Structure formats: structure tokens, C-alpha cells
Amino acid sequence: RMILVGMMSSVGALVCCEAMGREVPFEELFGSVGSSFLIHLQLVLVEAWPDIAEVMMQNHPLWALYVIAFLILSNFTILNVVTGVVCDGVLELASGKPPSSAQEQYLKFEALRDEIRDVYQIGP
């Protein structure tokens, strides 16, 4: 499900590595594809993104548009994944049998309590 985020980070890493990786102040962040990929994962996780954007904007102010677009797309993708997981869980719960009655729940509770007492040999 997170393949799209990985693909976005990979493509972004390649673009930034090619565009900024050879310049001296940006070589530490974007000098290799691996370091650029990790920087893009930090952007996906919204970790220290203002610092990363500031460094990128030192190259050219239009990199701010790239950072904003990347943040929006990656966070939209993650939000869709989370929504899908929640909906999948709700649909799975809804397709199951109806919830048991209070009496059945109490009987299960008493059985579990008795089992715990037996395991730990707790008195009544």
C-alpha cells in the first residue's frame, strides 16, 4: 500500500540528486540517491521539512513549489492508505455475526475470570 509513497520518494530523490547533488552546499543532502531518498522520506513523514525546504530554496525559490507539491501528494497518499485501512476494518466487522447479548458477554467474562483464577491460583 505504501508502494506509491516509495515510488514518489524514489523519483523525487533522482530529480533532486540530478538537479542539486553536484553543488557544494547541497551535496550533503542530495549528493547521492540514497541520501536524497532519505531526505524525501523525511518530507513524507513531515519531519524537519522547513529546514529541508530552506536548504532547497537556497538553490532557487521555485523549489518551494516542489516541496509543497511533494508534501501535499505524499500526505494525501498516506491519508488514503489510513482511510482504506479503517474502512476495511469497519467492513470486516460489519460483515461478521451480530454482536452477542449482554448475558453472553457476562458468561464469557465469568469463564475467563475462572480460567485466570485457575492459572494464578487466586482464591474466591
Foldseek 3Di string as FASTA:
>chain_A
DCVVLLVLLQVQLVVCLVPPCVDVVCVVQNVDSVSSSVVLVCLLVVHPLVVVLVSVCVVPVCVVVVSVVSNVVSPVVVVVVVVVVVVVVVVVVVPDDDDDDPVVVVVVVVVVVVVVCVVVVDDD
